[in-house]
Protein backbone atom coordinates (compact mmCIF):
# COMPACT_ATOMS: atom_id res chain seq x y z
CA UNK A 1 -43.69 -125.01 -63.34
CA UNK A 2 -42.34 -128.21 -61.75
CA UNK A 3 -39.09 -127.92 -59.79
CA UNK A 4 -36.05 -129.69 -61.23
CA UNK A 5 -35.06 -132.75 -59.21
CA UNK A 6 -32.42 -132.03 -56.59
CA UNK A 7 -29.14 -133.86 -56.52
CA UNK A 8 -28.85 -136.72 -54.11
CA UNK A 9 -27.15 -135.83 -50.87
CA UNK A 10 -24.84 -138.22 -49.01
CA UNK A 11 -25.37 -139.70 -45.59
CA UNK A 12 -22.37 -139.25 -43.33
CA UNK A 13 -21.28 -142.64 -42.06
CA UNK A 14 -19.61 -143.19 -38.69
CA UNK A 15 -16.18 -142.66 -40.18
CA UNK A 16 -17.22 -139.24 -41.48
CA UNK A 17 -16.92 -140.38 -45.12
CA UNK A 18 -19.86 -139.20 -47.32
CA UNK A 19 -20.12 -142.31 -49.43
CA UNK A 20 -23.71 -143.51 -48.97
CA UNK A 21 -25.98 -141.55 -51.33
CA UNK A 22 -29.70 -141.26 -50.89
CA UNK A 23 -32.44 -138.97 -52.15
CA UNK A 24 -33.17 -136.50 -49.36
CA UNK A 25 -36.71 -136.01 -50.72
CA UNK A 26 -37.60 -139.49 -49.44
CA UNK A 27 -36.77 -138.47 -45.87
CA UNK A 28 -39.86 -137.18 -44.06
CA UNK A 29 -37.79 -134.62 -42.16
CA UNK A 30 -34.19 -133.54 -41.86
CA UNK A 31 -32.53 -135.18 -38.89
CA UNK A 32 -29.34 -133.66 -37.67
CA UNK A 33 -26.26 -135.33 -39.05
CA UNK A 34 -27.94 -137.08 -41.98
CA UNK A 35 -27.39 -134.53 -44.72
CA UNK A 36 -24.51 -132.31 -45.71
CA UNK A 37 -26.88 -129.35 -45.60
CA UNK A 38 -26.02 -128.99 -41.90
CA UNK A 39 -22.25 -129.38 -41.57
CA UNK A 40 -20.62 -130.34 -38.29
CA UNK A 41 -23.99 -130.84 -36.64
CA UNK A 42 -22.70 -133.53 -34.31
CA UNK A 43 -20.45 -131.02 -32.61
CA UNK A 44 -21.98 -128.40 -30.36
CA UNK A 45 -19.02 -126.10 -30.02
CA UNK A 46 -19.29 -123.83 -27.01
CA UNK A 47 -23.04 -124.29 -26.65
CA UNK A 48 -24.37 -125.53 -23.33
CA UNK A 49 -25.78 -128.97 -24.10
CA UNK A 50 -28.05 -129.32 -21.06
CA UNK A 51 -29.39 -126.67 -18.69
CA UNK A 52 -31.68 -127.22 -15.71
CA UNK A 53 -33.03 -124.52 -13.40
CA UNK A 54 -34.63 -125.48 -10.08
CA UNK A 55 -35.83 -128.72 -11.67
CA UNK A 56 -37.99 -130.83 -9.36
CA UNK A 57 -39.93 -134.04 -9.74
CA UNK A 58 -42.16 -135.12 -6.88
CA UNK A 59 -44.20 -138.27 -6.48
CA UNK A 60 -46.75 -138.87 -3.71
CA UNK A 61 -44.25 -140.56 -1.41
CA UNK A 62 -40.85 -139.45 -2.68
CA UNK A 63 -39.01 -136.48 -4.21
CA UNK A 64 -36.95 -137.78 -7.12
CA UNK A 65 -35.40 -134.40 -8.04
CA UNK A 66 -35.11 -131.47 -5.66
CA UNK A 67 -34.49 -128.04 -7.26
CA UNK A 68 -31.66 -129.31 -9.44
CA UNK A 69 -29.78 -126.55 -11.26
CA UNK A 70 -26.85 -127.59 -13.42
CA UNK A 71 -25.18 -126.76 -16.76
CA UNK A 72 -23.62 -129.45 -18.92
CA UNK A 73 -21.28 -128.56 -21.78
CA UNK A 74 -19.97 -130.59 -24.75
CA UNK A 75 -17.91 -133.72 -24.18
CA UNK A 76 -18.43 -136.76 -21.98
CA UNK A 77 -20.28 -135.93 -18.76
CA UNK A 78 -20.83 -138.40 -15.95
CA UNK A 79 -23.99 -138.26 -13.85
CA UNK A 80 -23.21 -140.16 -10.69
CA UNK A 81 -25.28 -141.05 -7.69
CA UNK A 82 -26.49 -144.03 -5.70
CA UNK A 83 -29.40 -146.10 -6.98
CA UNK A 84 -32.53 -144.01 -6.43
CA UNK A 85 -30.65 -140.70 -6.59
CA UNK A 86 -32.82 -139.44 -9.47
CA UNK A 87 -30.57 -140.14 -12.45
CA UNK A 88 -33.07 -142.05 -14.61
CA UNK A 89 -35.85 -139.61 -13.68
CA UNK A 90 -33.71 -136.72 -14.89
CA UNK A 91 -33.07 -138.42 -18.23
CA UNK A 92 -36.80 -139.05 -18.78
CA UNK A 93 -37.50 -135.37 -18.13
CA UNK A 94 -34.69 -134.27 -20.46
CA UNK A 95 -36.14 -136.48 -23.22
CA UNK A 96 -39.52 -134.85 -22.78
CA UNK A 97 -41.07 -138.17 -21.70
CA UNK A 98 -41.95 -137.14 -18.14
CA UNK A 99 -43.09 -133.67 -17.04
CA UNK A 100 -41.26 -131.90 -14.25
CA UNK A 101 -43.19 -130.84 -11.18
CA UNK A 102 -41.51 -127.45 -11.24
CA UNK A 103 -38.52 -125.71 -12.78
CA UNK A 104 -37.35 -125.84 -16.37
CA UNK A 105 -34.75 -127.53 -18.54
CA UNK A 106 -33.31 -127.24 -22.03
CA UNK A 107 -31.49 -129.78 -24.16
CA UNK A 108 -29.51 -128.46 -27.14
CA UNK A 109 -31.37 -125.17 -26.70
CA UNK A 110 -34.82 -126.84 -26.85
CA UNK A 111 -37.35 -126.64 -24.02
CA UNK A 112 -38.11 -130.10 -22.63
CA UNK A 113 -41.68 -129.12 -21.75
CA UNK A 114 -42.72 -128.06 -25.26
CA UNK A 115 -40.14 -129.46 -27.71
CA UNK A 116 -39.74 -133.07 -26.62
CA UNK A 117 -40.20 -134.48 -30.14
CA UNK A 118 -37.49 -132.19 -31.54
CA UNK A 119 -35.16 -133.20 -28.69
CA UNK A 120 -35.69 -136.90 -29.40
CA UNK A 121 -34.79 -136.33 -33.06
CA UNK A 122 -31.40 -135.01 -32.01
CA UNK A 123 -30.69 -137.28 -29.04
CA UNK A 124 -29.91 -140.98 -28.74
CA UNK A 125 -31.04 -142.93 -25.67
CA UNK A 126 -29.68 -146.17 -24.24
CA UNK A 127 -32.04 -147.37 -21.48
CA UNK A 128 -30.84 -149.10 -18.36
CA UNK A 129 -33.12 -152.13 -18.45
CA UNK A 130 -33.15 -155.00 -20.93
CA UNK A 131 -35.78 -154.09 -23.51
CA UNK A 132 -34.64 -155.97 -26.60
CA UNK A 133 -36.84 -158.38 -28.60
CA UNK A 134 -35.24 -161.85 -28.32
CA UNK A 135 -36.48 -163.27 -31.62
CA UNK A 136 -34.96 -160.73 -34.04
CA UNK A 137 -31.36 -160.13 -35.04
CA UNK A 138 -29.31 -157.08 -34.10
CA UNK A 139 -29.42 -155.96 -37.73
CA UNK A 140 -33.22 -156.17 -37.92
CA UNK A 141 -33.68 -154.32 -34.65
CA UNK A 142 -31.21 -151.49 -35.33
CA UNK A 143 -32.52 -151.04 -38.88
CA UNK A 144 -36.03 -150.77 -37.44
CA UNK A 145 -34.89 -148.13 -34.95
CA UNK A 146 -33.12 -146.23 -37.73
CA UNK A 147 -36.31 -146.26 -39.80
CA UNK A 148 -38.26 -145.03 -36.76
CA UNK A 149 -35.83 -142.10 -36.62
CA UNK A 150 -36.68 -141.17 -40.21
CA UNK A 151 -33.89 -142.73 -42.26
CA UNK A 152 -34.91 -144.16 -45.64
CA UNK A 153 -34.41 -147.95 -46.09
CA UNK A 154 -31.04 -147.90 -47.88
CA UNK A 155 -29.54 -145.36 -45.52
CA UNK A 156 -30.88 -147.25 -42.49
CA UNK A 157 -29.19 -150.46 -43.62
CA UNK A 158 -25.88 -148.77 -44.35
CA UNK A 159 -25.88 -146.87 -41.06
CA UNK A 160 -26.80 -150.04 -39.16
CA UNK A 161 -23.86 -151.96 -40.65
CA UNK A 162 -21.46 -149.15 -39.77
CA UNK A 163 -22.83 -148.76 -36.26
CA UNK A 164 -22.73 -152.49 -35.46
CA UNK A 165 -19.17 -152.59 -36.75
CA UNK A 166 -18.26 -149.72 -34.45
CA UNK A 167 -19.69 -151.43 -31.34
CA UNK A 168 -18.05 -154.76 -32.21
CA UNK A 169 -21.10 -156.78 -33.29
CA UNK A 170 -20.54 -156.91 -37.03
CA UNK A 171 -19.76 -160.65 -37.11
CA UNK A 172 -22.74 -161.48 -34.88
CA UNK A 173 -25.22 -159.09 -36.46
CA UNK A 174 -27.55 -161.76 -37.93
CA UNK A 175 -27.94 -163.88 -34.78
CA UNK A 176 -31.17 -163.57 -32.74
CA UNK A 177 -30.67 -161.19 -29.82
CA UNK A 178 -32.10 -163.77 -27.41
CA UNK A 179 -28.86 -165.76 -27.73
CA UNK A 180 -26.61 -162.80 -26.96
CA UNK A 181 -24.59 -162.38 -23.80
CA UNK A 182 -25.25 -159.42 -21.50
CA UNK A 183 -22.34 -157.52 -22.98
CA UNK A 184 -23.58 -158.06 -26.53
CA UNK A 185 -27.07 -156.88 -25.58
CA UNK A 186 -25.58 -153.72 -24.10
CA UNK A 187 -23.79 -153.12 -27.40
CA UNK A 188 -27.04 -153.52 -29.34
CA UNK A 189 -28.66 -150.90 -27.10
CA UNK A 190 -25.68 -148.62 -27.71
CA UNK A 191 -25.91 -149.16 -31.47
CA UNK A 192 -29.59 -148.22 -31.65
CA UNK A 193 -28.80 -145.03 -29.71
CA UNK A 194 -26.15 -144.05 -32.27
CA UNK A 195 -27.62 -145.21 -35.57
CA UNK A 196 -29.39 -141.92 -36.44
CA UNK A 197 -26.21 -139.89 -35.81
CA UNK A 198 -27.41 -137.81 -32.85
CA UNK A 199 -25.80 -134.71 -31.43
CA UNK A 200 -26.07 -136.07 -27.90
CA UNK A 201 -26.60 -139.50 -26.36
CA UNK A 202 -27.98 -140.43 -22.95
CA UNK A 203 -26.48 -143.69 -21.66
CA UNK A 204 -28.25 -144.98 -18.56
CA UNK A 205 -25.99 -147.36 -16.59
CA UNK A 206 -24.34 -148.79 -19.74
CA UNK A 207 -21.99 -151.10 -17.80
CA UNK A 208 -24.69 -152.81 -15.76
CA UNK A 209 -24.16 -156.57 -15.55
CA UNK A 210 -20.80 -156.52 -17.35
CA UNK A 211 -17.67 -158.29 -16.17
CA UNK A 212 -14.47 -156.20 -15.74
CA UNK A 213 -13.30 -156.85 -19.32
CA UNK A 214 -16.71 -156.02 -20.78
CA UNK A 215 -16.89 -152.90 -18.62
CA UNK A 216 -13.52 -151.65 -19.86
CA UNK A 217 -14.51 -152.27 -23.47
CA UNK A 218 -17.81 -150.41 -23.01
CA UNK A 219 -16.04 -147.46 -21.38
CA UNK A 220 -13.64 -147.34 -24.33
CA UNK A 221 -16.58 -147.26 -26.75
CA UNK A 222 -18.21 -144.45 -24.79
CA UNK A 223 -15.05 -142.37 -24.90
CA UNK A 224 -14.74 -142.91 -28.67
CA UNK A 225 -18.28 -141.69 -29.24
CA UNK A 226 -17.03 -138.20 -28.48
CA UNK A 227 -13.38 -138.32 -29.52
CA UNK A 228 -13.97 -140.03 -32.87
CA UNK A 229 -17.43 -138.83 -33.85
CA UNK A 230 -17.93 -135.55 -32.01
CA UNK A 231 -21.09 -136.72 -30.23
CA UNK A 232 -21.58 -135.44 -26.69
CA UNK A 233 -22.43 -138.01 -24.02
CA UNK A 234 -24.29 -137.97 -20.72
CA UNK A 235 -23.57 -141.28 -18.98
CA UNK A 236 -25.06 -142.31 -15.64
CA UNK A 237 -23.36 -144.63 -13.20
CA UNK A 238 -23.18 -145.45 -9.52
CA UNK A 239 -19.56 -146.63 -9.95
CA UNK A 240 -17.33 -143.62 -9.39
CA UNK A 241 -14.14 -145.16 -10.77
CA UNK A 242 -15.71 -145.59 -14.20
CA UNK A 243 -16.40 -141.89 -14.56
CA UNK A 244 -12.94 -140.91 -13.41
CA UNK A 245 -11.41 -142.70 -16.40
CA UNK A 246 -14.02 -141.79 -19.00
CA UNK A 247 -15.56 -138.38 -18.39
CA UNK A 248 -14.49 -134.77 -18.89
CA UNK A 249 -17.01 -133.51 -16.34
CA UNK A 250 -18.81 -135.11 -13.41
CA UNK A 251 -22.16 -134.17 -11.88
CA UNK A 252 -22.86 -135.76 -8.48
CA UNK A 253 -26.47 -136.00 -7.29
CA UNK A 254 -27.70 -137.30 -3.97
CA UNK A 255 -31.33 -137.64 -3.02
CA UNK A 256 -32.30 -135.74 -6.16
CA UNK A 257 -30.22 -132.68 -5.21
CA UNK A 258 -26.96 -131.46 -6.70
CA UNK A 259 -24.00 -132.37 -4.53
CA UNK A 260 -21.24 -131.20 -6.84
CA UNK A 261 -20.56 -130.38 -10.49
CA UNK A 262 -17.02 -129.88 -11.76
CA UNK A 263 -14.47 -131.09 -14.26
CA UNK A 264 -12.81 -134.44 -13.68
CA UNK A 265 -9.48 -132.61 -13.45
CA UNK A 266 -10.77 -130.58 -10.49
CA UNK A 267 -12.07 -133.73 -8.83
CA UNK A 268 -8.75 -135.52 -9.22
CA UNK A 269 -6.50 -132.55 -8.51
CA UNK A 270 -3.01 -133.16 -7.19
CA UNK A 271 -2.70 -132.85 -3.44
CA UNK A 272 0.23 -132.08 -1.17
CA UNK A 273 0.07 -135.68 0.06
CA UNK A 274 3.10 -137.79 -0.76
CA UNK A 275 2.65 -141.54 -1.36
CA UNK A 276 5.67 -143.71 -0.56
CA UNK A 277 6.18 -147.42 -1.24
CA UNK A 278 9.37 -149.33 -0.39
CA UNK A 279 10.71 -152.86 -0.67
CA UNK A 280 11.45 -155.24 2.21
CA UNK A 281 14.92 -156.62 3.06
CA UNK A 282 16.29 -159.38 5.25
CA UNK A 283 17.30 -156.76 7.80
CA UNK A 284 13.90 -155.05 7.63
CA UNK A 285 11.26 -157.69 6.73
CA UNK A 286 8.61 -154.98 7.07
CA UNK A 287 10.16 -152.08 5.22
CA UNK A 288 7.02 -149.98 5.45
CA UNK A 289 7.01 -150.18 9.23
CA UNK A 290 10.73 -149.37 9.39
CA UNK A 291 10.24 -146.21 7.31
CA UNK A 292 7.24 -145.17 9.40
CA UNK A 293 9.20 -145.48 12.64
CA UNK A 294 12.26 -143.70 11.23
CA UNK A 295 10.17 -140.77 9.96
CA UNK A 296 8.27 -140.56 13.26
CA UNK A 297 11.62 -140.31 15.07
CA UNK A 298 12.30 -137.24 12.93
CA UNK A 299 8.92 -135.70 13.76
CA UNK A 300 7.09 -136.70 10.55
CA UNK A 301 3.76 -138.47 10.98
CA UNK A 302 2.48 -140.87 8.31
CA UNK A 303 -0.77 -142.65 7.51
CA UNK A 304 -1.54 -145.93 5.79
CA UNK A 305 -2.59 -145.59 2.15
CA UNK A 306 -5.96 -147.29 2.59
CA UNK A 307 -7.83 -147.67 -0.67
CA UNK A 308 -4.74 -147.18 -2.81
CA UNK A 309 -3.11 -149.80 -5.04
CA UNK A 310 -0.65 -151.64 -2.83
CA UNK A 311 -2.46 -150.54 0.32
CA UNK A 312 -0.71 -151.86 3.40
CA UNK A 313 2.65 -151.16 1.80
CA UNK A 314 1.96 -147.47 1.05
CA UNK A 315 2.61 -144.60 3.46
CA UNK A 316 1.07 -141.15 3.11
CA UNK A 317 2.55 -137.96 4.51
CA UNK A 318 2.19 -134.24 3.93
CA UNK A 319 4.93 -132.76 1.76
CA UNK A 320 5.98 -129.44 3.29
CA UNK A 321 8.41 -128.71 0.47
CA UNK A 322 11.57 -130.01 -1.18
CA UNK A 323 13.01 -130.82 2.24
CA UNK A 324 10.37 -133.52 2.71
CA UNK A 325 11.55 -135.32 -0.44
CA UNK A 326 15.16 -135.08 0.75
CA UNK A 327 14.24 -136.42 4.18
CA UNK A 328 12.34 -139.42 2.79
CA UNK A 329 15.16 -140.23 0.39
CA UNK A 330 17.77 -140.11 3.17
CA UNK A 331 15.66 -142.26 5.54
CA UNK A 332 15.13 -144.95 2.91
CA UNK A 333 18.80 -144.92 1.93
CA UNK A 334 19.94 -145.19 5.57
CA UNK A 335 17.68 -148.22 6.06
CA UNK A 336 19.04 -149.87 2.90
CA UNK A 337 15.57 -150.24 1.38
CA UNK A 338 14.55 -149.99 -2.25
CA UNK A 339 12.18 -147.19 -3.28
CA UNK A 340 9.27 -148.44 -5.40
CA UNK A 341 7.57 -145.06 -5.75
CA UNK A 342 7.43 -141.61 -4.23
CA UNK A 343 4.81 -139.38 -5.82
CA UNK A 344 2.26 -136.72 -5.14
CA UNK A 345 -1.06 -138.51 -5.19
CA UNK A 346 -4.32 -137.40 -6.74
CA UNK A 347 -7.75 -137.39 -5.25
CA UNK A 348 -10.10 -140.12 -6.35
CA UNK A 349 -13.68 -139.06 -7.10
CA UNK A 350 -14.94 -141.42 -4.41
CA UNK A 351 -12.93 -139.55 -1.75
CA UNK A 352 -14.23 -136.16 -2.86
CA UNK A 353 -17.75 -137.54 -2.94
CA UNK A 354 -17.44 -138.73 0.65
CA UNK A 355 -15.93 -135.42 1.77
CA UNK A 356 -18.65 -133.35 0.08
CA UNK A 357 -21.35 -135.65 1.42
CA UNK A 358 -19.98 -135.28 4.95
CA UNK A 359 -19.83 -131.49 4.66
CA UNK A 360 -23.39 -131.38 3.34
CA UNK A 361 -24.66 -133.59 6.18
CA UNK A 362 -22.86 -131.36 8.68
CA UNK A 363 -24.74 -128.24 7.53
CA UNK A 364 -27.84 -127.17 9.48
CA UNK A 365 -30.97 -128.77 8.06
CA UNK A 366 -32.47 -125.38 7.16
CA UNK A 367 -29.34 -124.35 5.24
CA UNK A 368 -29.38 -127.58 3.23
CA UNK A 369 -33.08 -127.17 2.47
CA UNK A 370 -32.48 -123.72 0.99
CA UNK A 371 -29.30 -124.62 -0.89
CA UNK A 372 -27.15 -122.89 1.71
């Protein structure tokens, strides 16, 4: 007896509004996020998104990954390291596109060695290098990628329009990609990674080649991928400041080995260091120097705030308690200077990276080799 036709199920658009109907029987397989049969699939709750255990990748002349063991949870995670640190190699292994030499890894609970196709159904990937066809429009390309992911034609077109609107290319969507700026091309690559509504996206150096304004806009888009749509993100970068503003968690790799993995909050924890900035006056043309000398006369040593905004006019000192604040206030008042700021400063990721790198280099070679 023939089965009665099933009701059409809606595709969830990027705003979470189920208003684009299509017949699910035309879809060759169920991709996560496309049907209402799997609610909230773009959130992963408390599940570990990525797990690697002693993951290594060796080539004849170089070791790209060296026994890397790390857990990545939901949210926006930054994978940071210098060029050649193994970031792109790790992504290729996690996508099931390159076999590991040893060790194992899972993405969304799927084994990368045996379930690569299933992983790629659920994951979006934005490659680092320019790989876009110059003679087609953004709409044509993203629709094609949506169809490759299994969306039927109508759903692919609707999802493409929504995705290009989200990344800021809606008005330019019919222009050939060859005439796009670098920033626009990066947005096309981001759109094709999002169009099939993945649970997780890998973004490999998404700010490469962008000017400061374009970089800030891209970082804002990346943050919204998780906050607005519930999609977890693994973003690679060699620029530490980007990750500090964008990510919930940061994984630092160096030479293919794990240097540190912790939340951004832990990286940028508040220190006992007090940052002080003062104004100059006619009596004290160099107010910073006057404060330094006055504090030194009272037995308090200071350092220049190198690397901080306003460096050269910022003094750093260790706050021993409330009495330190009182002392600084009294010194500045006695000198007749204006106080611009007096605050406990936070670590920057770049400082922690340098400190951890120095500690690692200081370990005996044998201890480093065995993870000691």
